[in-house]
């Protein structure tokens, strides 16, 4: 039997999930700036007091949604780095599978204005995680500026993701993972 606290947590999670789902659905119909709290609660079939119990304003919901989606994306990319970035295979890269499973959200990335700041958040978090992984490597080539390398690849990964989404997932996730691994070409960082 569930404790009152677990039941509460489940209800809170369900309510927040429904509010976020409503927000995502509305983004297909209206621009971000035109979406109101009323739109969200009507779509989710809740009242405004329920919304304000969980969020102070629409932007707080969006911030939480962005955080969870970007963190999930980063985790999908970096969780399999445990055996070392230089030893990865295409099967280890699941970021494209993750995107495809959540394409109702990621299709919104076709327009950078759909969800404010999400692409910048991805770049920032990806860059931090990528640099952390690279610093674990030995014998790094000192001729390559690590910050520039990280920036180049973070922007490149985002570009690859956006291109795949904009082309309606025309390649399989396995194909995209293989291409990403080839493009990352970690071995160029090693001293000869």
N, C-alpha and C. Protein backbone atom coordinates (compact mmCIF):
# COMPACT_ATOMS: atom_id res chain seq x y z
N UNK A 1 0.83 -1.18 0.00
CA UNK A 1 0.00 0.00 0.00
C UNK A 1 0.88 1.25 0.00
N UNK A 2 0.51 2.22 -0.76
CA UNK A 2 1.29 3.46 -0.87
C UNK A 2 1.06 4.35 0.34
N UNK A 3 2.13 4.97 0.78
CA UNK A 3 2.00 5.95 1.86
C UNK A 3 1.34 7.20 1.30
N UNK A 4 0.84 8.05 2.20
CA UNK A 4 0.22 9.30 1.76
C UNK A 4 1.22 10.16 1.00
N UNK A 5 2.49 10.12 1.44
CA UNK A 5 3.52 10.93 0.79
C UNK A 5 3.78 10.45 -0.64
N UNK A 6 3.86 9.13 -0.84
CA UNK A 6 4.08 8.60 -2.19
C UNK A 6 2.89 8.86 -3.10
N UNK A 7 1.69 8.75 -2.53
CA UNK A 7 0.48 9.02 -3.31
C UNK A 7 0.47 10.49 -3.73
N UNK A 8 0.85 11.37 -2.79
CA UNK A 8 0.95 12.80 -3.08
C UNK A 8 1.96 13.06 -4.19
N UNK A 9 3.14 12.44 -4.04
CA UNK A 9 4.17 12.62 -5.06
C UNK A 9 3.68 12.18 -6.43
N UNK A 10 2.98 11.07 -6.47
CA UNK A 10 2.47 10.58 -7.74
C UNK A 10 1.44 11.54 -8.32
N UNK A 11 0.58 12.07 -7.48
CA UNK A 11 -0.42 13.04 -7.96
C UNK A 11 0.25 14.31 -8.47
N UNK A 12 1.26 14.78 -7.74
CA UNK A 12 1.99 15.98 -8.16
C UNK A 12 2.67 15.72 -9.50
N UNK A 13 3.35 14.59 -9.61
CA UNK A 13 4.03 14.26 -10.88
C UNK A 13 3.03 14.17 -12.03
N UNK A 14 1.90 13.54 -11.77
CA UNK A 14 0.88 13.40 -12.82
C UNK A 14 0.35 14.77 -13.24
N UNK A 15 0.05 15.62 -12.27
CA UNK A 15 -0.48 16.95 -12.58
C UNK A 15 0.53 17.75 -13.38
N UNK A 16 1.78 17.75 -12.95
CA UNK A 16 2.81 18.49 -13.67
C UNK A 16 3.00 17.93 -15.08
N UNK A 17 2.96 16.61 -15.19
CA UNK A 17 3.10 15.98 -16.51
C UNK A 17 1.96 16.42 -17.43
N UNK A 18 0.75 16.47 -16.90
CA UNK A 18 -0.41 16.87 -17.70
C UNK A 18 -0.32 18.35 -18.11
N UNK A 19 0.14 19.20 -17.21
CA UNK A 19 0.30 20.62 -17.54
C UNK A 19 1.37 20.81 -18.62
N UNK A 20 2.46 20.08 -18.50
CA UNK A 20 3.53 20.17 -19.51
C UNK A 20 3.05 19.64 -20.86
N UNK A 21 2.33 18.52 -20.81
CA UNK A 21 1.79 17.93 -22.04
C UNK A 21 0.86 18.93 -22.74
N UNK A 22 0.02 19.58 -21.95
CA UNK A 22 -0.90 20.58 -22.51
C UNK A 22 -0.12 21.72 -23.14
N UNK A 23 0.91 22.19 -22.46
CA UNK A 23 1.74 23.27 -22.98
C UNK A 23 2.37 22.87 -24.31
N UNK A 24 2.93 21.67 -24.38
CA UNK A 24 3.56 21.19 -25.62
C UNK A 24 2.52 21.14 -26.74
N UNK A 25 1.36 20.59 -26.45
CA UNK A 25 0.30 20.50 -27.47
C UNK A 25 -0.09 21.88 -27.99
N UNK A 26 -0.20 22.84 -27.09
CA UNK A 26 -0.61 24.19 -27.49
C UNK A 26 0.47 24.85 -28.35
N UNK A 27 1.74 24.52 -28.10
CA UNK A 27 2.82 25.11 -28.90
C UNK A 27 2.70 24.77 -30.39
N UNK A 28 2.00 23.71 -30.71
CA UNK A 28 1.77 23.37 -32.12
C UNK A 28 0.70 24.27 -32.75
N UNK A 29 -0.04 24.98 -31.90
CA UNK A 29 -1.13 25.82 -32.38
C UNK A 29 -0.86 27.31 -32.24
N UNK A 30 -0.08 27.67 -31.22
CA UNK A 30 0.17 29.09 -30.92
C UNK A 30 1.65 29.31 -30.68
N UNK A 31 2.05 30.55 -30.86
CA UNK A 31 3.41 30.92 -30.50
C UNK A 31 3.54 30.99 -28.99
N UNK A 32 4.75 30.78 -28.52
CA UNK A 32 5.01 30.78 -27.08
C UNK A 32 4.45 32.02 -26.39
N UNK A 33 4.74 33.19 -26.96
CA UNK A 33 4.34 34.45 -26.33
C UNK A 33 2.82 34.61 -26.22
N UNK A 34 2.09 33.87 -27.05
CA UNK A 34 0.63 33.98 -27.05
C UNK A 34 -0.06 32.96 -26.15
N UNK A 35 0.71 32.08 -25.54
CA UNK A 35 0.12 31.05 -24.67
C UNK A 35 -0.06 31.61 -23.26
N UNK A 36 -1.24 31.45 -22.74
CA UNK A 36 -1.54 31.93 -21.39
C UNK A 36 -1.70 30.74 -20.43
N UNK A 37 -1.66 31.05 -19.16
CA UNK A 37 -1.92 30.02 -18.14
C UNK A 37 -3.32 29.44 -18.35
N UNK A 38 -4.26 30.29 -18.70
CA UNK A 38 -5.63 29.82 -18.96
C UNK A 38 -5.65 28.79 -20.09
N UNK A 39 -4.90 29.04 -21.16
CA UNK A 39 -4.81 28.07 -22.26
C UNK A 39 -4.32 26.72 -21.75
N UNK A 40 -3.29 26.77 -20.93
CA UNK A 40 -2.68 25.53 -20.42
C UNK A 40 -3.65 24.76 -19.54
N UNK A 41 -4.27 25.45 -18.59
CA UNK A 41 -5.16 24.74 -17.66
C UNK A 41 -6.43 24.24 -18.35
N UNK A 42 -6.93 24.99 -19.30
CA UNK A 42 -8.10 24.51 -20.04
C UNK A 42 -7.77 23.25 -20.82
N UNK A 43 -6.61 23.23 -21.47
CA UNK A 43 -6.21 22.05 -22.24
C UNK A 43 -5.95 20.85 -21.32
N UNK A 44 -5.35 21.10 -20.17
CA UNK A 44 -5.03 20.02 -19.23
C UNK A 44 -6.23 19.61 -18.38
N UNK A 45 -7.30 20.40 -18.46
CA UNK A 45 -8.52 20.15 -17.68
C UNK A 45 -8.28 20.29 -16.18
N UNK A 46 -7.56 21.34 -15.84
CA UNK A 46 -7.34 21.72 -14.44
C UNK A 46 -7.81 23.15 -14.27
N UNK A 47 -7.76 23.66 -13.05
CA UNK A 47 -8.10 25.06 -12.85
C UNK A 47 -6.83 25.87 -12.56
N UNK A 48 -6.97 27.16 -12.59
CA UNK A 48 -5.81 28.04 -12.41
C UNK A 48 -5.16 27.86 -11.04
N UNK A 49 -5.95 27.61 -10.02
CA UNK A 49 -5.37 27.44 -8.68
C UNK A 49 -4.46 26.20 -8.64
N UNK A 50 -4.81 25.16 -9.38
CA UNK A 50 -3.94 23.98 -9.46
C UNK A 50 -2.63 24.36 -10.12
N UNK A 51 -2.71 25.11 -11.20
CA UNK A 51 -1.49 25.55 -11.88
C UNK A 51 -0.61 26.34 -10.91
N UNK A 52 -1.21 27.31 -10.25
CA UNK A 52 -0.43 28.20 -9.37
C UNK A 52 0.03 27.51 -8.09
N UNK A 53 -0.55 26.39 -7.77
CA UNK A 53 -0.04 25.59 -6.65
C UNK A 53 1.34 25.01 -7.01
N UNK A 54 1.52 24.68 -8.29
CA UNK A 54 2.75 24.04 -8.75
C UNK A 54 3.76 25.02 -9.37
N UNK A 55 3.26 26.08 -9.98
CA UNK A 55 4.13 27.03 -10.68
C UNK A 55 3.69 28.45 -10.38
N UNK A 56 4.66 29.35 -10.32
CA UNK A 56 4.34 30.76 -10.09
C UNK A 56 3.82 31.42 -11.36
N UNK A 57 4.35 30.97 -12.50
CA UNK A 57 3.99 31.57 -13.78
C UNK A 57 4.37 30.59 -14.89
N UNK A 58 3.93 30.88 -16.09
CA UNK A 58 4.16 30.00 -17.24
C UNK A 58 5.65 29.72 -17.43
N UNK A 59 6.48 30.72 -17.26
CA UNK A 59 7.92 30.57 -17.50
C UNK A 59 8.56 29.55 -16.56
N UNK A 60 8.02 29.42 -15.37
CA UNK A 60 8.55 28.42 -14.43
C UNK A 60 8.26 27.00 -14.94
N UNK A 61 7.07 26.79 -15.47
CA UNK A 61 6.73 25.51 -16.08
C UNK A 61 7.68 25.22 -17.24
N UNK A 62 7.90 26.22 -18.08
CA UNK A 62 8.77 26.07 -19.25
C UNK A 62 10.21 25.77 -18.81
N UNK A 63 10.66 26.46 -17.79
CA UNK A 63 12.02 26.22 -17.29
C UNK A 63 12.17 24.78 -16.79
N UNK A 64 11.18 24.30 -16.06
CA UNK A 64 11.22 22.92 -15.56
C UNK A 64 11.17 21.92 -16.72
N UNK A 65 10.33 22.20 -17.70
CA UNK A 65 10.24 21.35 -18.89
C UNK A 65 11.57 21.33 -19.63
N UNK A 66 12.14 22.50 -19.87
CA UNK A 66 13.44 22.59 -20.55
C UNK A 66 14.51 21.81 -19.81
N UNK A 67 14.58 22.02 -18.50
CA UNK A 67 15.58 21.33 -17.67
C UNK A 67 15.46 19.82 -17.83
N UNK A 68 14.24 19.31 -17.69
CA UNK A 68 14.07 17.86 -17.74
C UNK A 68 14.37 17.31 -19.13
N UNK A 69 13.95 18.00 -20.17
CA UNK A 69 14.19 17.50 -21.52
C UNK A 69 15.66 17.57 -21.90
N UNK A 70 16.31 18.67 -21.58
CA UNK A 70 17.74 18.81 -21.91
C UNK A 70 18.57 17.85 -21.06
N UNK A 71 18.25 17.73 -19.78
CA UNK A 71 18.99 16.78 -18.94
C UNK A 71 18.83 15.36 -19.45
N UNK A 72 17.63 15.00 -19.89
CA UNK A 72 17.41 13.68 -20.47
C UNK A 72 18.22 13.47 -21.74
N UNK A 73 18.30 14.50 -22.55
CA UNK A 73 19.07 14.44 -23.79
C UNK A 73 20.56 14.29 -23.50
N UNK A 74 21.06 15.06 -22.55
CA UNK A 74 22.47 14.98 -22.18
C UNK A 74 22.77 13.61 -21.59
N UNK A 75 21.89 13.12 -20.73
CA UNK A 75 22.09 11.79 -20.14
C UNK A 75 22.09 10.72 -21.21
N UNK A 76 21.20 10.84 -22.19
CA UNK A 76 21.16 9.86 -23.28
C UNK A 76 22.47 9.85 -24.06
N UNK A 77 23.12 10.98 -24.14
CA UNK A 77 24.39 11.05 -24.87
C UNK A 77 25.56 10.57 -24.03
N UNK A 78 25.62 10.98 -22.78
CA UNK A 78 26.83 10.75 -21.99
C UNK A 78 26.79 9.55 -21.06
N UNK A 79 25.65 8.97 -20.80
CA UNK A 79 25.60 7.85 -19.86
C UNK A 79 26.44 6.66 -20.30
N UNK A 80 26.57 6.47 -21.58
CA UNK A 80 27.32 5.31 -22.07
C UNK A 80 28.81 5.59 -22.24
N UNK A 81 29.28 6.70 -21.73
CA UNK A 81 30.70 7.04 -21.84
C UNK A 81 31.54 6.36 -20.77
N UNK A 82 30.93 5.50 -19.96
CA UNK A 82 31.65 4.89 -18.85
C UNK A 82 32.87 4.11 -19.30
N UNK A 83 32.80 3.48 -20.46
CA UNK A 83 33.95 2.72 -20.94
C UNK A 83 34.97 3.60 -21.66
N UNK A 84 34.70 4.88 -21.69
CA UNK A 84 35.64 5.82 -22.30
C UNK A 84 35.16 6.28 -23.66
N UNK A 85 35.22 7.57 -23.87
CA UNK A 85 34.72 8.17 -25.11
C UNK A 85 35.45 7.62 -26.34
N UNK A 86 36.74 7.35 -26.18
CA UNK A 86 37.51 6.87 -27.33
C UNK A 86 37.19 5.43 -27.70
N UNK A 87 36.49 4.70 -26.83
CA UNK A 87 36.14 3.30 -27.09
C UNK A 87 34.68 3.10 -27.47
N UNK A 88 33.97 4.18 -27.72
CA UNK A 88 32.54 4.07 -28.00
C UNK A 88 32.27 3.50 -29.39
N UNK A 89 31.13 2.84 -29.48
CA UNK A 89 30.64 2.33 -30.76
C UNK A 89 29.30 3.00 -31.05
N UNK A 90 28.81 2.92 -32.29
CA UNK A 90 27.50 3.53 -32.58
C UNK A 90 26.38 3.02 -31.68
N UNK A 91 26.45 1.76 -31.27
CA UNK A 91 25.42 1.20 -30.39
C UNK A 91 25.39 1.88 -29.03
N UNK A 92 26.51 2.50 -28.65
CA UNK A 92 26.59 3.19 -27.36
C UNK A 92 25.89 4.54 -27.38
N UNK A 93 25.67 5.09 -28.54
CA UNK A 93 25.08 6.42 -28.65
C UNK A 93 23.58 6.29 -28.85
N UNK A 94 22.83 6.65 -27.82
CA UNK A 94 21.38 6.47 -27.86
C UNK A 94 20.63 7.80 -27.93
N UNK A 95 21.35 8.88 -28.14
CA UNK A 95 20.71 10.20 -28.16
C UNK A 95 19.63 10.30 -29.24
N UNK A 96 19.88 9.68 -30.39
CA UNK A 96 18.90 9.78 -31.47
C UNK A 96 17.66 8.94 -31.19
N UNK A 97 17.84 7.79 -30.54
CA UNK A 97 16.68 7.00 -30.12
C UNK A 97 15.85 7.79 -29.11
N UNK A 98 16.55 8.44 -28.19
CA UNK A 98 15.88 9.25 -27.16
C UNK A 98 15.05 10.36 -27.82
N UNK A 99 15.63 11.05 -28.77
CA UNK A 99 14.93 12.13 -29.47
C UNK A 99 13.71 11.58 -30.21
N UNK A 100 13.90 10.46 -30.90
CA UNK A 100 12.81 9.89 -31.69
C UNK A 100 11.64 9.48 -30.79
N UNK A 101 11.95 8.91 -29.63
CA UNK A 101 10.89 8.49 -28.70
C UNK A 101 10.11 9.69 -28.17
N UNK A 102 10.74 10.84 -28.11
CA UNK A 102 10.10 12.04 -27.58
C UNK A 102 9.93 13.10 -28.68
N UNK A 103 9.70 12.62 -29.89
CA UNK A 103 9.67 13.54 -31.02
C UNK A 103 8.52 14.54 -30.96
N UNK A 104 7.47 14.24 -30.21
CA UNK A 104 6.39 15.23 -30.07
C UNK A 104 6.94 16.51 -29.45
N UNK A 105 7.90 16.39 -28.56
CA UNK A 105 8.56 17.56 -27.99
C UNK A 105 9.64 18.09 -28.92
N UNK A 106 10.51 17.23 -29.41
CA UNK A 106 11.66 17.68 -30.19
C UNK A 106 11.28 18.22 -31.57
N UNK A 107 10.12 17.87 -32.08
CA UNK A 107 9.66 18.48 -33.33
C UNK A 107 9.52 19.99 -33.19
N UNK A 108 9.31 20.44 -31.96
CA UNK A 108 9.22 21.88 -31.71
C UNK A 108 10.55 22.58 -31.96
N UNK A 109 11.64 21.83 -32.00
CA UNK A 109 12.97 22.42 -32.26
C UNK A 109 13.11 22.86 -33.72
N UNK A 110 12.14 22.52 -34.54
CA UNK A 110 12.21 22.96 -35.94
C UNK A 110 12.23 24.47 -36.04
N UNK A 111 11.65 25.12 -35.04
CA UNK A 111 11.72 26.59 -34.97
C UNK A 111 12.39 26.95 -33.66
N UNK A 112 13.44 27.71 -33.73
CA UNK A 112 14.21 28.03 -32.53
C UNK A 112 13.41 28.89 -31.54
N UNK A 113 12.38 29.56 -32.01
CA UNK A 113 11.59 30.42 -31.14
C UNK A 113 10.49 29.66 -30.40
N UNK A 114 10.24 28.41 -30.78
CA UNK A 114 9.12 27.67 -30.18
C UNK A 114 9.23 27.61 -28.66
N UNK A 115 10.39 27.23 -28.16
CA UNK A 115 10.61 27.18 -26.71
C UNK A 115 11.85 28.01 -26.42
N UNK A 116 11.67 29.15 -25.79
CA UNK A 116 12.80 30.06 -25.56
C UNK A 116 13.96 29.41 -24.80
N UNK A 117 15.16 29.68 -25.28
CA UNK A 117 16.42 29.33 -24.61
C UNK A 117 16.76 27.85 -24.55
N UNK A 118 15.96 26.98 -25.12
CA UNK A 118 16.25 25.56 -24.95
C UNK A 118 17.50 25.13 -25.71
N UNK A 119 17.71 25.68 -26.89
CA UNK A 119 18.90 25.29 -27.64
C UNK A 119 20.16 25.83 -26.97
N UNK A 120 20.10 27.02 -26.42
CA UNK A 120 21.24 27.57 -25.69
C UNK A 120 21.53 26.73 -24.45
N UNK A 121 20.48 26.30 -23.77
CA UNK A 121 20.65 25.45 -22.59
C UNK A 121 21.33 24.14 -22.98
N UNK A 122 20.90 23.57 -24.12
CA UNK A 122 21.52 22.33 -24.59
C UNK A 122 23.00 22.55 -24.85
N UNK A 123 23.35 23.62 -25.55
CA UNK A 123 24.76 23.91 -25.86
C UNK A 123 25.57 24.04 -24.57
N UNK A 124 25.07 24.78 -23.61
CA UNK A 124 25.80 24.99 -22.35
C UNK A 124 26.01 23.68 -21.60
N UNK A 125 24.95 22.91 -21.45
CA UNK A 125 25.05 21.66 -20.68
C UNK A 125 25.87 20.62 -21.44
N UNK A 126 25.70 20.55 -22.76
CA UNK A 126 26.47 19.60 -23.55
C UNK A 126 27.96 19.96 -23.46
N UNK A 127 28.28 21.23 -23.58
CA UNK A 127 29.68 21.67 -23.53
C UNK A 127 30.33 21.29 -22.21
N UNK A 128 29.64 21.53 -21.11
CA UNK A 128 30.18 21.18 -19.80
C UNK A 128 30.42 19.67 -19.67
N UNK A 129 29.44 18.88 -20.07
CA UNK A 129 29.57 17.43 -19.97
C UNK A 129 30.64 16.89 -20.91
N UNK A 130 30.72 17.43 -22.12
CA UNK A 130 31.70 16.97 -23.10
C UNK A 130 33.11 17.29 -22.63
N UNK A 131 33.30 18.49 -22.12
CA UNK A 131 34.63 18.88 -21.63
C UNK A 131 35.05 17.98 -20.46
N UNK A 132 34.12 17.68 -19.59
CA UNK A 132 34.40 16.80 -18.46
C UNK A 132 34.87 15.42 -18.94
N UNK A 133 34.20 14.90 -19.97
CA UNK A 133 34.59 13.60 -20.53
C UNK A 133 35.96 13.67 -21.19
N UNK A 134 36.22 14.73 -21.92
CA UNK A 134 37.50 14.87 -22.61
C UNK A 134 38.66 14.97 -21.62
N UNK A 135 38.42 15.62 -20.50
CA UNK A 135 39.48 15.78 -19.51
C UNK A 135 39.88 14.45 -18.86
N UNK A 136 39.05 13.44 -19.02
CA UNK A 136 39.38 12.11 -18.50
C UNK A 136 40.38 11.39 -19.41
N UNK A 137 40.52 11.86 -20.64
CA UNK A 137 41.40 11.21 -21.61
C UNK A 137 42.86 11.51 -21.29
N UNK A 138 43.71 10.59 -21.69
CA UNK A 138 45.15 10.76 -21.50
C UNK A 138 45.79 11.15 -22.83
N UNK A 139 46.97 11.71 -22.76
CA UNK A 139 47.76 12.06 -23.95
C UNK A 139 47.00 12.96 -24.92
N UNK A 140 46.39 14.01 -24.41
CA UNK A 140 45.66 14.93 -25.28
C UNK A 140 46.63 15.77 -26.09
N UNK A 141 46.25 16.06 -27.30
CA UNK A 141 47.03 16.89 -28.21
C UNK A 141 46.93 18.34 -27.74
N UNK A 142 48.04 18.90 -27.32
CA UNK A 142 48.03 20.27 -26.80
C UNK A 142 47.95 21.32 -27.91
N UNK A 143 48.06 20.90 -29.17
CA UNK A 143 47.92 21.83 -30.28
C UNK A 143 46.46 22.23 -30.51
N UNK A 144 45.55 21.46 -29.95
CA UNK A 144 44.12 21.74 -30.13
C UNK A 144 43.61 22.44 -28.88
N UNK A 145 43.04 23.62 -29.07
CA UNK A 145 42.45 24.38 -27.96
C UNK A 145 41.17 23.65 -27.52
N UNK A 146 41.18 23.16 -26.29
CA UNK A 146 40.08 22.35 -25.78
C UNK A 146 38.75 23.11 -25.79
N UNK A 147 38.75 24.38 -25.41
CA UNK A 147 37.50 25.15 -25.39
C UNK A 147 36.92 25.30 -26.80
N UNK A 148 37.78 25.56 -27.77
CA UNK A 148 37.31 25.68 -29.16
C UNK A 148 36.81 24.33 -29.68
N UNK A 149 37.51 23.27 -29.32
CA UNK A 149 37.12 21.92 -29.74
C UNK A 149 35.73 21.59 -29.19
N UNK A 150 35.52 21.89 -27.90
CA UNK A 150 34.23 21.61 -27.26
C UNK A 150 33.12 22.45 -27.89
N UNK A 151 33.38 23.73 -28.11
CA UNK A 151 32.39 24.62 -28.73
C UNK A 151 32.01 24.12 -30.12
N UNK A 152 33.02 23.78 -30.91
CA UNK A 152 32.82 23.29 -32.27
C UNK A 152 31.93 22.05 -32.26
N UNK A 153 32.23 21.11 -31.39
CA UNK A 153 31.47 19.87 -31.37
C UNK A 153 30.07 20.04 -30.75
N UNK A 154 29.94 20.89 -29.76
CA UNK A 154 28.61 21.13 -29.17
C UNK A 154 27.68 21.73 -30.22
N UNK A 155 28.18 22.73 -30.94
CA UNK A 155 27.39 23.35 -32.01
C UNK A 155 27.11 22.34 -33.12
N UNK A 156 28.10 21.51 -33.41
CA UNK A 156 27.95 20.50 -34.46
C UNK A 156 26.91 19.45 -34.10
N UNK A 157 26.94 18.98 -32.86
CA UNK A 157 25.95 17.99 -32.42
C UNK A 157 24.55 18.59 -32.48
N UNK A 158 24.41 19.83 -32.01
CA UNK A 158 23.11 20.49 -32.10
C UNK A 158 22.67 20.62 -33.56
N UNK A 159 23.58 21.03 -34.42
CA UNK A 159 23.26 21.16 -35.84
C UNK A 159 22.82 19.85 -36.45
N UNK A 160 23.51 18.78 -36.09
CA UNK A 160 23.17 17.45 -36.60
C UNK A 160 21.77 17.04 -36.12
N UNK A 161 21.50 17.28 -34.85
CA UNK A 161 20.18 16.96 -34.29
C UNK A 161 19.09 17.77 -35.00
N UNK A 162 19.32 19.07 -35.14
CA UNK A 162 18.31 19.94 -35.78
C UNK A 162 18.07 19.53 -37.23
N UNK A 163 19.14 19.21 -37.94
CA UNK A 163 19.00 18.80 -39.33
C UNK A 163 18.17 17.52 -39.43
N UNK A 164 18.44 16.57 -38.55
CA UNK A 164 17.70 15.30 -38.53
C UNK A 164 16.22 15.55 -38.24
N UNK A 165 15.95 16.41 -37.27
CA UNK A 165 14.56 16.72 -36.92
C UNK A 165 13.86 17.44 -38.08
N UNK A 166 14.53 18.44 -38.66
CA UNK A 166 13.93 19.23 -39.74
C UNK A 166 13.68 18.39 -40.99
N UNK A 167 14.46 17.33 -41.16
CA UNK A 167 14.25 16.43 -42.30
C UNK A 167 13.34 15.26 -41.93
N UNK A 168 12.57 15.46 -40.87
CA UNK A 168 11.58 14.47 -40.41
C UNK A 168 12.17 13.08 -40.21
N UNK A 169 13.35 13.05 -39.58
CA UNK A 169 13.96 11.79 -39.17
C UNK A 169 14.17 10.85 -40.37
N UNK A 170 14.69 11.42 -41.45
CA UNK A 170 14.83 10.68 -42.70
C UNK A 170 15.84 9.53 -42.62
N UNK A 171 16.74 9.56 -41.65
CA UNK A 171 17.68 8.45 -41.44
C UNK A 171 17.32 7.76 -40.14
N UNK A 172 17.72 6.51 -40.02
CA UNK A 172 17.47 5.77 -38.78
C UNK A 172 18.34 6.34 -37.65
N UNK A 173 17.94 6.07 -36.43
CA UNK A 173 18.73 6.53 -35.29
C UNK A 173 20.09 5.83 -35.27
N UNK A 174 20.16 4.60 -35.73
CA UNK A 174 21.44 3.88 -35.80
C UNK A 174 22.38 4.55 -36.79
N UNK A 175 21.86 4.91 -37.94
CA UNK A 175 22.68 5.61 -38.95
C UNK A 175 23.20 6.93 -38.38
N UNK A 176 22.33 7.67 -37.72
CA UNK A 176 22.73 8.96 -37.16
C UNK A 176 23.79 8.79 -36.08
N UNK A 177 23.65 7.75 -35.26
CA UNK A 177 24.65 7.49 -34.22
C UNK A 177 26.01 7.18 -34.83
N UNK A 178 26.01 6.39 -35.88
CA UNK A 178 27.27 6.05 -36.57
C UNK A 178 27.91 7.31 -37.15
N UNK A 179 27.10 8.15 -37.77
CA UNK A 179 27.63 9.38 -38.35
C UNK A 179 28.17 10.32 -37.27
N UNK A 180 27.45 10.43 -36.18
CA UNK A 180 27.90 11.29 -35.09
C UNK A 180 29.24 10.81 -34.54
N UNK A 181 29.36 9.52 -34.35
CA UNK A 181 30.62 8.97 -33.85
C UNK A 181 31.77 9.27 -34.80
N UNK A 182 31.53 9.13 -36.09
CA UNK A 182 32.56 9.46 -37.09
C UNK A 182 32.90 10.94 -37.06
N UNK A 183 31.90 11.78 -36.90
CA UNK A 183 32.13 13.22 -36.90
C UNK A 183 32.87 13.70 -35.65
N UNK A 184 32.60 13.05 -34.52
CA UNK A 184 33.30 13.43 -33.29
C UNK A 184 34.79 13.16 -33.39
N UNK A 185 35.14 12.07 -34.04
CA UNK A 185 36.55 11.73 -34.30
C UNK A 185 37.46 12.10 -33.12
N UNK A 186 37.23 11.46 -32.02
CA UNK A 186 37.96 11.71 -30.79
C UNK A 186 39.46 11.47 -30.96
N UNK A 187 39.82 10.56 -31.82
CA UNK A 187 41.24 10.20 -31.95
C UNK A 187 42.13 11.36 -32.40
N UNK A 188 41.55 12.38 -33.03
CA UNK A 188 42.38 13.52 -33.44
C UNK A 188 42.89 14.31 -32.24
N UNK A 189 42.31 14.07 -31.08
CA UNK A 189 42.77 14.76 -29.88
C UNK A 189 44.03 14.12 -29.29
N UNK A 190 44.31 12.89 -29.69
CA UNK A 190 45.46 12.18 -29.14
C UNK A 190 46.74 12.60 -29.83
N UNK A 191 47.81 12.61 -29.06
CA UNK A 191 49.12 12.90 -29.63
C UNK A 191 49.54 11.75 -30.52
N UNK A 192 50.22 12.07 -31.59
CA UNK A 192 50.68 11.03 -32.51
C UNK A 192 51.90 10.34 -31.96
